């Protein structure tokens, strides 16, 4: 027997569903608050049904800021640290978005113009949309104060490197004035210089410092570093450092070398004692094929655990509190030096390497020279006194000191 479809029941159910949907619609339209979620959580807010609570934006402001880079920190150390401060601040304020997008941090922080670990001073950071403005600061004018020592040259052209050349300077340099007479006219204006081997410039697709640290001796000798045109606006040869520069952090080259030599000697003694205390190796015996296979597997596993063979990180002997630095004379407000030490104040355009200028000054004086300390005192419109110090690195003070982009 063929059953008929229950049309009446279906109609009743449909009418009931319509009434329920209309009631729900009326409730939503008359509610005192509704849930509205925007598509860009980093710049807009969300209102919840419970009231007018808003999900915090990722940034309270976006723009540029001058940070004081401490000694021994890399620029990437500073960027990561500041990003962490601002990320935790956004989360504490109630930002609910994901903090990473496609594997990259959502919080944009970058720097304009690298300073080496043994340099201190002004480091301009871009935050949010400020990162797009950093290129102009790479090309803008900068000012540096450098500490120089005559008589030796290192692989890195600064205090970190190994000494590769020594030369007497007393027969060629008689006074600060003799350096000034040769250096000022020779190194002012548009000049050509060869960047240091330990620099971030790319040659054949590789960073020069990667070639220097990971390549064999032949690779290093064969690398051709191209000359580059730079502009130096002003050079001053002096024998003093100001109090503000010393407070920024200037490495004491002599004490630094002595301390590193002592640590390396102690490490060598410890390694020798450890080797002497180790048990003698067992006699090597023939092994079967299974032992050979097991050995191969262990080697492969060890190789995988060895990490990236192209890592270019250098051993750090000091942190910002232990690195030997030049101290200020409390009675004078400045500190004076005698040859073979002197100082340089350089105002220059982007892309200028102060280490290369120091090296070339040594050659010009018929000797060799190394930069033992460096402070960037100006980058674009930002001065050393504008730079936010380490003890003031907090979200509130970062946003307060920021040059904001509207």
Protein backbone atom coordinates (compact mmCIF):
# COMPACT_ATOMS: atom_id res chain seq x y z
CA UNK A 1 0.00 0.00 0.00
CA UNK A 2 1.44 3.35 -1.01
CA UNK A 3 1.96 5.83 1.83
CA UNK A 4 1.05 9.51 1.37
CA UNK A 5 3.48 12.27 2.51
CA UNK A 6 2.48 14.15 5.76
CA UNK A 7 2.08 17.58 4.11
CA UNK A 8 0.16 19.10 7.01
CA UNK A 9 2.82 18.20 9.56
CA UNK A 10 5.58 19.59 7.30
CA UNK A 11 3.73 22.89 6.95
CA UNK A 12 3.35 23.21 10.72
CA UNK A 13 7.05 22.56 11.27
CA UNK A 14 8.05 25.12 8.63
CA UNK A 15 5.76 27.74 10.18
CA UNK A 16 7.32 27.07 13.58
CA UNK A 17 10.83 27.46 12.17
CA UNK A 18 9.88 30.76 10.54
CA UNK A 19 8.48 32.11 13.80
CA UNK A 20 11.64 31.09 15.68
CA UNK A 21 13.91 32.77 13.10
CA UNK A 22 11.83 35.97 13.16
CA UNK A 23 11.97 36.07 16.95
CA UNK A 24 15.74 35.60 16.93
CA UNK A 25 16.07 38.36 14.35
CA UNK A 26 13.97 40.72 16.45
CA UNK A 27 16.06 39.93 19.55
CA UNK A 28 19.31 40.75 17.70
CA UNK A 29 17.96 43.98 16.22
CA UNK A 30 16.74 45.27 19.58
CA UNK A 31 19.77 44.15 21.63
CA UNK A 32 21.72 46.96 23.36
CA UNK A 33 25.04 45.67 21.93
CA UNK A 34 26.14 43.37 19.14
CA UNK A 35 29.33 41.50 18.18
CA UNK A 36 31.22 43.21 15.33
CA UNK A 37 34.64 41.84 14.35
CA UNK A 38 36.88 43.76 11.99
CA UNK A 39 39.14 42.17 9.38
CA UNK A 40 42.40 43.81 10.56
CA UNK A 41 43.03 43.04 14.24
CA UNK A 42 46.36 44.91 14.24
CA UNK A 43 44.78 48.33 13.70
CA UNK A 44 41.10 48.07 14.70
CA UNK A 45 39.02 46.88 17.63
CA UNK A 46 36.25 44.36 18.42
CA UNK A 47 33.10 45.12 20.44
CA UNK A 48 31.67 42.19 22.39
CA UNK A 49 28.07 41.32 23.26
CA UNK A 50 28.86 41.68 26.96
CA UNK A 51 29.41 45.42 26.63
CA UNK A 52 31.78 47.91 25.05
CA UNK A 53 35.09 46.15 25.80
CA UNK A 54 37.47 46.55 22.85
CA UNK A 55 40.20 44.15 21.72
CA UNK A 56 43.42 46.19 21.83
CA UNK A 57 45.28 47.13 18.63
CA UNK A 58 48.67 45.55 18.00
CA UNK A 59 50.42 48.93 18.02
CA UNK A 60 49.66 51.99 20.11
CA UNK A 61 51.70 53.97 17.56
CA UNK A 62 53.89 53.29 14.53
CA UNK A 63 57.00 55.15 13.47
CA UNK A 64 60.73 55.57 14.15
CA UNK A 65 62.73 55.62 17.35
CA UNK A 66 66.38 56.09 18.28
CA UNK A 67 67.58 53.30 20.57
CA UNK A 68 70.96 53.33 22.33
CA UNK A 69 72.72 50.10 21.31
CA UNK A 70 74.82 48.80 24.20
CA UNK A 71 78.28 47.29 23.75
CA UNK A 72 78.39 43.55 22.90
CA UNK A 73 74.78 43.54 21.61
CA UNK A 74 74.20 42.88 17.91
CA UNK A 75 71.59 44.98 16.12
CA UNK A 76 69.43 41.87 15.79
CA UNK A 77 69.68 41.38 19.56
CA UNK A 78 68.20 44.85 20.03
CA UNK A 79 65.46 44.30 17.44
CA UNK A 80 64.41 40.99 19.03
CA UNK A 81 64.41 42.48 22.53
CA UNK A 82 62.30 45.51 21.56
CA UNK A 83 59.91 43.31 19.58
CA UNK A 84 59.48 41.12 22.65
CA UNK A 85 58.67 44.11 24.85
CA UNK A 86 56.04 45.43 22.43
CA UNK A 87 54.56 41.96 21.80
CA UNK A 88 54.09 41.30 25.51
CA UNK A 89 52.59 44.78 25.90
CA UNK A 90 50.06 44.14 23.13
CA UNK A 91 49.04 40.85 24.71
CA UNK A 92 48.72 42.43 28.16
CA UNK A 93 46.46 45.10 26.69
CA UNK A 94 44.15 42.43 25.29
CA UNK A 95 45.30 42.01 21.69
CA UNK A 96 43.74 38.70 20.62
CA UNK A 97 45.28 38.08 17.18
CA UNK A 98 47.98 35.58 16.35
CA UNK A 99 51.48 36.93 16.90
CA UNK A 100 52.95 35.18 13.84
CA UNK A 101 51.84 35.26 10.23
CA UNK A 102 53.27 32.81 7.69
CA UNK A 103 56.09 31.99 10.11
CA UNK A 104 57.10 35.63 10.63
CA UNK A 105 56.45 37.87 13.66
CA UNK A 106 53.31 39.97 13.23
CA UNK A 107 54.97 42.76 15.23
CA UNK A 108 57.17 44.55 12.68
CA UNK A 109 60.46 45.89 14.06
CA UNK A 110 63.59 46.56 11.98
CA UNK A 111 66.79 48.62 12.15
CA UNK A 112 68.41 51.07 9.77
CA UNK A 113 72.20 50.86 9.63
CA UNK A 114 74.26 48.13 11.29
CA UNK A 115 76.55 48.70 14.26
CA UNK A 116 79.10 46.01 15.16
CA UNK A 117 78.90 44.31 18.58
CA UNK A 118 81.88 46.32 19.89
CA UNK A 119 80.26 49.62 18.84
CA UNK A 120 77.63 51.57 20.74
CA UNK A 121 75.37 54.53 20.14
CA UNK A 122 72.42 55.55 17.98
CA UNK A 123 70.47 52.75 16.31
CA UNK A 124 67.30 53.83 14.50
CA UNK A 125 64.45 51.31 14.68
CA UNK A 126 61.31 51.25 12.58
CA UNK A 127 58.14 49.94 14.24
CA UNK A 128 55.08 48.94 12.21
CA UNK A 129 54.82 51.17 9.16
CA UNK A 130 58.02 52.88 10.32
CA UNK A 131 60.02 49.99 8.86
CA UNK A 132 59.23 51.30 5.37
CA UNK A 133 60.98 54.59 6.25
CA UNK A 134 64.32 53.05 7.29
CA UNK A 135 65.95 53.09 3.86
CA UNK A 136 66.21 56.88 3.96
CA UNK A 137 68.20 56.59 7.21
CA UNK A 138 70.60 54.13 5.60
CA UNK A 139 71.36 56.77 2.98
CA UNK A 140 71.30 59.81 5.28
CA UNK A 141 74.19 61.45 7.10
CA UNK A 142 75.79 59.86 10.15
CA UNK A 143 78.36 60.94 12.70
CA UNK A 144 80.84 58.73 14.54
CA UNK A 145 83.58 59.00 17.13
CA UNK A 146 86.27 56.34 16.78
CA UNK A 147 89.16 55.31 19.00
CA UNK A 148 92.30 54.45 17.00
CA UNK A 149 95.58 52.73 17.86
CA UNK A 150 98.65 52.81 15.62
CA UNK A 151 101.12 49.96 15.18
CA UNK A 152 98.98 46.90 14.41
CA UNK A 153 96.17 45.73 12.12
CA UNK A 154 93.69 42.92 12.76
CA UNK A 155 91.64 40.60 10.55
CA UNK A 156 88.44 42.48 11.39
CA UNK A 157 90.08 45.94 11.52
CA UNK A 158 88.80 46.29 15.10
CA UNK A 159 89.61 44.91 18.56
CA UNK A 160 87.80 41.60 17.96
CA UNK A 161 90.15 40.33 15.27
CA UNK A 162 93.48 38.57 15.35
CA UNK A 163 96.57 40.68 14.77
CA UNK A 164 97.90 40.08 11.25
CA UNK A 165 100.28 43.03 10.81
CA UNK A 166 102.54 45.02 13.10
CA UNK A 167 104.66 48.00 12.15
CA UNK A 168 106.64 50.68 13.90
CA UNK A 169 104.89 54.04 13.93
CA UNK A 170 107.29 56.31 15.84
CA UNK A 171 109.47 57.06 12.79
CA UNK A 172 106.45 58.18 10.76
CA UNK A 173 104.05 59.79 13.23
CA UNK A 174 105.48 62.48 15.45
CA UNK A 175 102.32 64.19 16.73
CA UNK A 176 98.56 64.51 16.42
CA UNK A 177 99.16 67.54 14.20
CA UNK A 178 101.18 65.44 11.75
CA UNK A 179 98.23 63.06 11.40
CA UNK A 180 95.79 65.94 11.06
CA UNK A 181 97.81 67.59 8.27
CA UNK A 182 97.72 64.47 6.12
CA UNK A 183 94.34 62.99 7.03
CA UNK A 184 91.94 65.94 6.84
CA UNK A 185 92.54 66.89 3.17
CA UNK A 186 93.03 63.28 2.02
CA UNK A 187 89.88 61.84 3.59
CA UNK A 188 87.39 64.69 3.17
CA UNK A 189 84.96 64.75 0.24
CA UNK A 190 84.14 61.94 -2.18
CA UNK A 191 86.60 59.10 -1.69
CA UNK A 192 86.95 55.44 -2.61
CA UNK A 193 87.38 52.72 -0.04
CA UNK A 194 87.58 48.94 0.12
CA UNK A 195 85.07 47.62 2.70
CA UNK A 196 86.38 45.29 5.45
CA UNK A 197 86.45 41.57 4.79
CA UNK A 198 84.29 41.17 7.89
CA UNK A 199 81.26 43.09 6.61
CA UNK A 200 77.75 42.34 5.37
CA UNK A 201 78.44 43.25 1.73
CA UNK A 202 77.61 40.49 -0.74
CA UNK A 203 80.17 39.16 -3.21
CA UNK A 204 78.99 36.42 -5.61
CA UNK A 205 75.84 35.99 -3.54
CA UNK A 206 77.62 35.50 -0.20
CA UNK A 207 78.14 37.87 2.71
CA UNK A 208 81.81 38.75 3.08
CA UNK A 209 81.82 37.78 6.76
CA UNK A 210 80.46 34.33 5.80
CA UNK A 211 83.39 33.84 3.42
CA UNK A 212 85.83 35.07 6.07
CA UNK A 213 84.53 32.82 8.85
CA UNK A 214 83.57 29.69 6.92
CA UNK A 215 85.78 29.62 3.85
CA UNK A 216 89.23 28.06 3.73
CA UNK A 217 92.33 30.21 3.54
CA UNK A 218 92.43 30.08 -0.27
CA UNK A 219 88.81 31.26 -0.55
CA UNK A 220 89.58 34.21 1.71
CA UNK A 221 92.71 35.15 -0.24
CA UNK A 222 90.94 34.87 -3.60
CA UNK A 223 87.91 37.00 -2.73
CA UNK A 224 87.89 40.32 -4.57
CA UNK A 225 86.20 43.09 -2.61
CA UNK A 226 85.03 45.84 -4.96
CA UNK A 227 85.94 49.46 -4.32
CA UNK A 228 83.03 51.70 -3.43
CA UNK A 229 82.46 55.43 -3.62
CA UNK A 230 81.54 57.12 -0.33
CA UNK A 231 81.38 60.69 0.87
CA UNK A 232 82.97 62.09 4.00
CA UNK A 233 81.69 65.52 4.96
CA UNK A 234 84.08 66.22 7.81
CA UNK A 235 87.03 64.58 9.63
CA UNK A 236 88.52 65.76 12.90
CA UNK A 237 91.67 64.24 14.41
CA UNK A 238 91.79 64.68 18.19
CA UNK A 239 93.27 63.17 21.33
CA UNK A 240 90.20 63.38 23.59
CA UNK A 241 86.84 61.70 24.14
CA UNK A 242 83.84 63.59 25.54
CA UNK A 243 81.98 62.42 28.62
CA UNK A 244 78.82 61.59 26.62
CA UNK A 245 80.77 59.39 24.21
CA UNK A 246 82.55 57.57 27.04
CA UNK A 247 79.24 57.00 28.83
CA UNK A 248 77.85 55.47 25.64
CA UNK A 249 80.57 52.81 25.80
CA UNK A 250 84.02 52.81 24.17
CA UNK A 251 86.06 49.61 24.25
CA UNK A 252 89.49 49.89 25.83
CA UNK A 253 91.47 48.11 23.12
CA UNK A 254 94.54 47.30 25.21
CA UNK A 255 92.60 45.85 28.15
CA UNK A 256 90.29 43.99 25.77
CA UNK A 257 93.20 42.24 24.01
CA UNK A 258 94.88 41.38 27.30
CA UNK A 259 91.68 39.92 28.78
CA UNK A 260 90.96 37.84 25.66
CA UNK A 261 94.52 36.48 25.64
CA UNK A 262 94.21 35.47 29.29
CA UNK A 263 90.87 33.70 28.67
CA UNK A 264 92.18 31.90 25.60
CA UNK A 265 95.30 30.78 27.48
CA UNK A 266 93.17 29.51 30.37
CA UNK A 267 90.91 27.66 27.92
CA UNK A 268 93.93 26.04 26.26
CA UNK A 269 95.28 24.86 29.65
CA UNK A 270 91.87 23.45 30.60
CA UNK A 271 91.60 21.61 27.27
CA UNK A 272 95.09 20.13 27.70
CA UNK A 273 94.29 18.96 31.25
CA UNK A 274 91.04 17.39 30.07
CA UNK A 275 92.84 15.57 27.27
CA UNK A 276 95.52 14.31 29.68
CA UNK A 277 92.89 13.02 32.11
CA UNK A 278 90.95 11.16 29.41
CA UNK A 279 91.37 7.34 29.33
CA UNK A 280 93.62 6.01 26.56
CA UNK A 281 91.78 4.82 23.42
CA UNK A 282 91.01 1.12 23.21
CA UNK A 283 92.77 -1.08 20.66
CA UNK A 284 90.99 -1.02 17.34
CA UNK A 285 89.71 -4.44 16.39
CA UNK A 286 88.12 -5.74 13.26
CA UNK A 287 84.37 -5.46 13.32
CA UNK A 288 81.73 -7.24 11.37
CA UNK A 289 79.39 -5.67 8.83
CA UNK A 290 76.70 -4.98 11.42
CA UNK A 291 79.15 -2.94 13.51
CA UNK A 292 80.10 -0.96 10.40
CA UNK A 293 76.46 -0.19 9.70
CA UNK A 294 75.88 0.88 13.29
CA UNK A 295 78.88 3.17 13.10
CA UNK A 296 77.62 4.78 9.90
CA UNK A 297 74.23 5.45 11.48
CA UNK A 298 75.85 7.08 14.50
CA UNK A 299 77.94 9.31 12.25
CA UNK A 300 74.88 10.38 10.29
CA UNK A 301 73.00 11.12 13.49
CA UNK A 302 75.91 13.11 14.87
CA UNK A 303 76.14 15.05 11.61
CA UNK A 304 72.48 15.98 11.79
CA UNK A 305 72.88 17.18 15.37
CA UNK A 306 75.88 19.25 14.42
CA UNK A 307 73.70 22.05 13.16
CA UNK A 308 74.33 24.41 10.29
CA UNK A 309 77.93 24.33 9.17
CA UNK A 310 77.52 27.84 7.78
CA UNK A 311 76.78 29.43 11.14
CA UNK A 312 78.73 32.64 11.46
CA UNK A 313 78.30 33.40 15.13
CA UNK A 314 81.45 34.34 17.01
CA UNK A 315 82.25 33.44 20.56
CA UNK A 316 81.37 36.26 22.91
CA UNK A 317 83.91 36.79 25.66
CA UNK A 318 82.07 39.61 27.42
CA UNK A 319 78.64 41.08 28.02
CA UNK A 320 77.80 44.77 28.36
CA UNK A 321 78.68 44.80 32.06
CA UNK A 322 82.06 43.04 31.80
CA UNK A 323 83.60 44.34 28.55
CA UNK A 324 86.64 46.56 29.31
CA UNK A 325 85.85 50.20 28.50
CA UNK A 326 87.53 53.59 28.54
CA UNK A 327 86.74 55.46 31.74
CA UNK A 328 86.08 59.18 32.04
CA UNK A 329 88.37 61.43 34.02
CA UNK A 330 86.00 62.71 36.76
CA UNK A 331 87.94 65.95 37.16
CA UNK A 332 87.97 66.95 33.50
CA UNK A 333 84.72 65.66 31.95
CA UNK A 334 86.84 64.38 29.05
CA UNK A 335 89.65 61.87 28.73
CA UNK A 336 92.91 62.61 26.91
CA UNK A 337 95.23 60.17 25.13
CA UNK A 338 98.78 60.05 23.87
CA UNK A 339 100.13 58.37 20.74
CA UNK A 340 99.81 55.64 19.59
CA UNK A 341 96.19 56.38 20.59
CA UNK A 342 94.10 59.13 19.03
CA UNK A 343 90.45 59.77 18.15
CA UNK A 344 88.50 60.53 14.98
CA UNK A 345 85.24 62.43 14.61
CA UNK A 346 83.71 61.57 11.24
CA UNK A 347 80.60 62.94 9.53
CA UNK A 348 79.75 60.90 6.45
CA UNK A 349 77.12 59.58 4.07
CA UNK A 350 75.60 56.13 4.04
CA UNK A 351 77.70 53.06 3.28
CA UNK A 352 80.92 54.45 4.80
CA UNK A 353 83.01 52.05 6.86
CA UNK A 354 84.93 53.79 9.64
CA UNK A 355 87.13 50.71 10.07
CA UNK A 356 88.28 51.11 6.46
CA UNK A 357 89.01 54.81 6.98
CA UNK A 358 91.15 53.93 10.02
CA UNK A 359 93.02 51.24 8.07
CA UNK A 360 93.68 53.66 5.19
CA UNK A 361 94.84 56.40 7.58
CA UNK A 362 97.43 53.96 8.89
CA UNK A 363 98.69 53.31 5.35
CA UNK A 364 98.73 57.03 4.60
CA UNK A 365 100.98 57.52 7.65
CA UNK A 366 103.32 54.71 6.44
CA UNK A 367 102.26 52.39 9.25
CA UNK A 368 99.19 50.37 10.22
CA UNK A 369 96.23 51.18 12.48
CA UNK A 370 93.17 49.54 14.02
CA UNK A 371 89.87 50.96 15.26
CA UNK A 372 89.53 49.86 18.88
CA UNK A 373 86.23 51.57 19.73
CA UNK A 374 83.30 53.24 17.95
CA UNK A 375 80.27 55.30 18.95
CA UNK A 376 77.60 56.47 16.51
CA UNK A 377 76.62 59.91 17.76
CA UNK A 378 74.11 60.85 15.04
CA UNK A 379 71.93 59.10 12.47
CA UNK A 380 69.73 61.35 10.36
CA UNK A 381 67.95 63.74 12.74
CA UNK A 382 68.55 61.52 15.79
CA UNK A 383 71.35 62.42 18.21
CA UNK A 384 73.09 60.38 20.89
CA UNK A 385 71.25 62.26 23.63
CA UNK A 386 67.93 61.33 21.94
CA UNK A 387 68.62 57.58 22.06
CA UNK A 388 66.55 55.57 24.54
CA UNK A 389 68.89 53.91 27.05
CA UNK A 390 68.76 50.27 28.10
CA UNK A 391 67.30 51.06 31.53
CA UNK A 392 64.38 52.88 29.84
CA UNK A 393 63.39 50.11 27.45
CA UNK A 394 59.70 49.70 28.31
CA UNK A 395 56.60 49.82 26.12
CA UNK A 396 55.40 53.11 27.60
CA UNK A 397 58.72 54.88 27.07
CA UNK A 398 59.22 53.39 23.60
CA UNK A 399 55.84 54.72 22.43
CA UNK A 400 56.46 58.04 24.17
CA UNK A 401 59.84 58.55 22.48
CA UNK A 402 58.69 57.42 19.03
CA UNK A 403 58.54 59.78 16.05
CA UNK A 404 55.06 58.74 14.94
CA UNK A 405 53.73 58.18 11.44
CA UNK A 406 50.14 59.38 11.14
